[in-house]
Amino acid sequence: MKTEIKRIIERNLPLNVKYNLIDKSYTSLIDSIGCTCHNCGKLISNIATVRPENGKESYLIGFDCLETILINNNLLDGKSIEEFNKFKSNLPTFIKHSKQIKDNISEMNSKNLNKVVSIQFDLEDFKQWAKYGKSSYLTYYYILETGKKFNDNLRLKNKINIEDFINTFKSINNKINVQLN
C-alpha cells in the first residue's frame, strides 16, 4: 500500500516561520457568514487561529492549512520523510490529547481558587512503561500556584516520538508553562 505524502505548498503565510495554534472553532456555513482562510483564501467552517512564534498578529486558517503548517513546523526542525509520515499519522491523536489537557486545565481553573500554573511531563516514566507493551502511559502533573501537584496520565503508543507530542502540546497550550523530567 502506497502512503500519500501531503504536499507542503507555501501560500499566503510564509513557511519559514513557526506558528502556534491558539484556538479552534466551528462556524456553520449555512447559519452564518463564515470566513476565508488567511493562508489559501478558501471558505472555511473549521477555523484554527494561529500566531507566528515571534509575532502579535493572529491568522484564521482552515484545518487543512493547519495540518500543513503544523507538519511544516515539524519539518523545519530537520525531520526525515519517515518521521514526517509518522508525525502526520499521529497528529490527530496529539491534537486530541493536547486539547483534552487544555480543557481539563480550564475546568480546574474555573472551579478552584488555586490556578494551574504549570504542567510537568514525566518522560522517564513513559520510557519505563514502553518496555512492557505496545502502549505506554505518559504521566503528567498539574502544578498549582501553591506548589501542590496533581497527577494524571495518557495512554499513548510506544512508537510515537514523545518530543513531537510535547511540541504539539506546547503549540496548542502556549499559555501554560511546560516542564519535563
Protein backbone atom coordinates (compact mmCIF):
# COMPACT_ATOMS: atom_id res chain seq x y z
CA MET A 1 0.00 0.00 0.00
CA LYS A 2 1.46 3.33 -1.06
CA THR A 3 1.40 6.14 1.51
CA GLU A 4 0.34 9.53 0.18
CA ILE A 5 2.53 12.36 1.39
CA LYS A 6 0.82 15.68 1.85
CA ARG A 7 2.45 18.28 -0.31
CA ILE A 8 3.71 21.29 1.55
CA ILE A 9 2.88 24.37 -0.52
CA GLU A 10 3.63 27.92 0.55
CA ARG A 11 0.60 30.13 0.15
CA ASN A 12 -0.05 33.46 1.92
CA LEU A 13 1.59 32.53 5.24
CA PRO A 14 5.36 32.09 4.89
CA LEU A 15 6.67 28.63 5.70
CA ASN A 16 9.97 29.84 7.15
CA VAL A 17 8.02 30.95 10.25
CA LYS A 18 6.88 28.68 13.06
CA TYR A 19 3.24 29.12 14.10
CA ASN A 20 1.47 28.31 17.36
CA LEU A 21 -2.11 27.09 17.48
CA ILE A 22 -4.12 29.48 19.65
CA ASP A 23 -7.68 28.18 19.27
CA LYS A 24 -10.02 26.05 17.16
CA SER A 25 -13.70 26.70 16.42
CA TYR A 26 -16.52 25.76 14.09
CA THR A 27 -18.88 28.10 12.25
CA SER A 28 -21.74 26.68 10.21
CA LEU A 29 -21.61 27.98 6.67
CA ILE A 30 -25.40 27.63 6.40
CA ASP A 31 -26.26 29.58 9.56
CA SER A 32 -23.67 32.32 9.33
CA ILE A 33 -21.27 34.07 7.05
CA GLY A 34 -18.16 32.05 7.87
CA CYS A 35 -14.77 33.38 6.81
CA THR A 36 -11.97 32.72 4.38
CA CYS A 37 -8.65 31.15 5.20
CA HIS A 38 -5.86 33.73 5.55
CA ASN A 39 -3.49 31.17 4.05
CA CYS A 40 -5.28 29.72 0.99
CA GLY A 41 -8.29 32.02 0.59
CA LYS A 42 -10.91 29.23 0.65
CA LEU A 43 -14.19 29.50 2.58
CA ILE A 44 -13.81 27.62 5.89
CA SER A 45 -16.11 26.45 8.66
CA ASN A 46 -13.49 24.63 10.79
CA ILE A 47 -11.34 27.53 11.89
CA ALA A 48 -7.93 27.42 13.57
CA THR A 49 -6.37 30.58 14.97
CA VAL A 50 -2.58 30.61 14.65
CA ARG A 51 0.06 33.16 15.59
CA PRO A 52 3.68 33.34 14.43
CA GLU A 53 6.10 32.43 17.22
CA ASN A 54 7.59 35.92 17.26
CA GLY A 55 4.52 37.87 16.15
CA LYS A 56 1.50 39.60 17.60
CA GLU A 57 -0.95 39.29 14.69
CA SER A 58 -3.04 36.13 14.51
CA TYR A 59 -4.49 34.42 11.44
CA LEU A 60 -7.63 32.35 10.83
CA ILE A 61 -6.93 29.27 8.75
CA GLY A 62 -8.72 26.06 7.80
CA PHE A 63 -7.81 22.68 9.26
CA ASP A 64 -6.11 21.54 6.02
CA CYS A 65 -3.81 24.55 6.18
CA LEU A 66 -3.34 23.93 9.93
CA GLU A 67 -2.17 20.39 9.21
CA THR A 68 0.28 21.73 6.62
CA ILE A 69 1.62 24.38 8.99
CA LEU A 70 2.00 22.01 11.96
CA ILE A 71 3.68 19.40 9.78
CA ASN A 72 5.92 22.04 8.26
CA ASN A 73 6.83 23.31 11.74
CA ASN A 74 7.99 19.75 12.38
CA LEU A 75 9.89 19.55 9.08
CA LEU A 76 11.65 22.82 9.80
CA ASP A 77 13.27 21.03 12.72
CA GLY A 78 15.06 18.71 10.26
CA LYS A 79 12.76 15.68 10.33
CA SER A 80 13.11 12.91 7.73
CA ILE A 81 10.27 11.81 5.42
CA GLU A 82 9.73 8.72 7.61
CA GLU A 83 9.47 10.90 10.70
CA PHE A 84 7.20 13.25 8.75
CA ASN A 85 4.84 10.36 7.89
CA LYS A 86 4.85 9.12 11.47
CA PHE A 87 4.14 12.61 12.78
CA LYS A 88 1.32 13.08 10.25
CA SER A 89 -0.33 9.80 11.28
CA ASN A 90 -0.10 10.72 15.00
CA LEU A 91 -1.12 14.39 14.67
CA PRO A 92 -4.89 13.85 15.25
CA THR A 93 -4.10 11.93 18.47
CA PHE A 94 -1.62 14.60 19.59
CA ILE A 95 -4.18 17.36 19.00
CA LYS A 96 -6.96 15.40 20.74
CA HIS A 97 -4.90 14.72 23.88
CA SER A 98 -3.43 18.24 23.97
CA LYS A 99 -6.90 19.78 23.70
CA GLN A 100 -8.18 17.39 26.40
CA ILE A 101 -5.47 18.53 28.83
CA LYS A 102 -6.13 22.18 27.92
CA ASP A 103 -9.85 21.68 28.65
CA ASN A 104 -9.01 19.99 31.97
CA ILE A 105 -6.83 22.94 32.96
CA SER A 106 -9.60 25.42 32.02
CA GLU A 107 -12.15 23.44 34.01
CA MET A 108 -9.86 23.15 37.04
CA ASN A 109 -9.05 26.87 36.90
CA SER A 110 -12.75 27.78 36.78
CA LYS A 111 -13.61 25.58 39.79
CA ASN A 112 -10.61 26.06 42.09
CA LEU A 113 -9.26 29.05 43.93
CA ASN A 114 -5.72 27.85 43.20
CA LYS A 115 -4.99 28.02 39.49
CA VAL A 116 -2.91 25.58 37.43
CA VAL A 117 0.26 27.48 36.51
CA SER A 118 2.36 24.70 35.04
CA ILE A 119 2.30 21.15 33.78
CA GLN A 120 5.13 18.67 34.22
CA PHE A 121 5.55 15.63 31.95
CA ASP A 122 7.38 12.59 33.33
CA LEU A 123 9.32 11.35 30.30
CA GLU A 124 11.32 8.80 32.30
CA ASP A 125 8.10 7.15 33.46
CA PHE A 126 6.93 6.98 29.81
CA LYS A 127 10.21 5.27 28.82
CA GLN A 128 9.82 2.75 31.66
CA TRP A 129 6.25 1.90 30.59
CA ALA A 130 7.46 1.50 26.97
CA LYS A 131 9.40 -1.60 27.97
CA TYR A 132 6.22 -3.52 28.81
CA GLY A 133 3.97 -3.42 25.75
CA LYS A 134 2.56 -1.72 22.69
CA SER A 135 1.32 1.31 24.59
CA SER A 136 2.68 3.38 27.43
CA TYR A 137 1.35 5.78 29.98
CA LEU A 138 2.61 9.35 29.95
CA THR A 139 2.29 10.62 33.50
CA TYR A 140 1.96 14.35 33.94
CA TYR A 141 1.36 16.67 36.87
CA TYR A 142 -0.84 19.74 37.14
CA ILE A 143 1.10 22.20 39.29
CA LEU A 144 -0.99 24.73 41.18
CA GLU A 145 0.13 28.22 42.13
CA THR A 146 0.52 26.94 45.73
CA GLY A 147 3.07 24.38 44.51
CA LYS A 148 0.71 21.44 45.06
CA LYS A 149 0.75 18.76 42.33
CA PHE A 150 -2.00 16.51 40.99
CA ASN A 151 -1.10 13.69 38.63
CA ASP A 152 -2.90 12.29 35.62
CA ASN A 153 -1.84 10.18 32.62
CA LEU A 154 -2.44 9.50 28.96
CA ARG A 155 -2.19 6.19 27.18
CA LEU A 156 -0.04 6.59 24.05
CA LYS A 157 1.53 4.21 21.55
CA ASN A 158 5.12 3.25 22.40
CA LYS A 159 6.34 4.02 18.92
CA ILE A 160 5.37 7.69 18.98
CA ASN A 161 8.01 10.36 19.17
CA ILE A 162 7.26 11.80 22.61
CA GLU A 163 9.04 15.06 21.72
CA ASP A 164 6.58 15.52 18.82
CA PHE A 165 3.68 15.14 21.26
CA ILE A 166 5.26 17.64 23.69
CA ASN A 167 5.85 20.14 20.86
CA THR A 168 2.25 19.77 19.65
CA PHE A 169 1.06 20.21 23.24
CA LYS A 170 3.15 23.38 23.63
CA SER A 171 1.77 24.73 20.37
CA ILE A 172 -1.84 24.19 21.47
CA ASN A 173 -1.28 25.15 25.12
CA ASN A 174 1.16 28.01 24.65
CA LYS A 175 -0.04 29.90 27.74
CA ILE A 176 0.88 27.16 30.22
CA ASN A 177 4.41 26.61 31.46
CA VAL A 178 5.67 23.13 30.46
CA GLN A 179 8.29 21.28 32.47
CA LEU A 180 9.96 17.99 31.57
CA ASN A 181 11.65 15.45 33.80
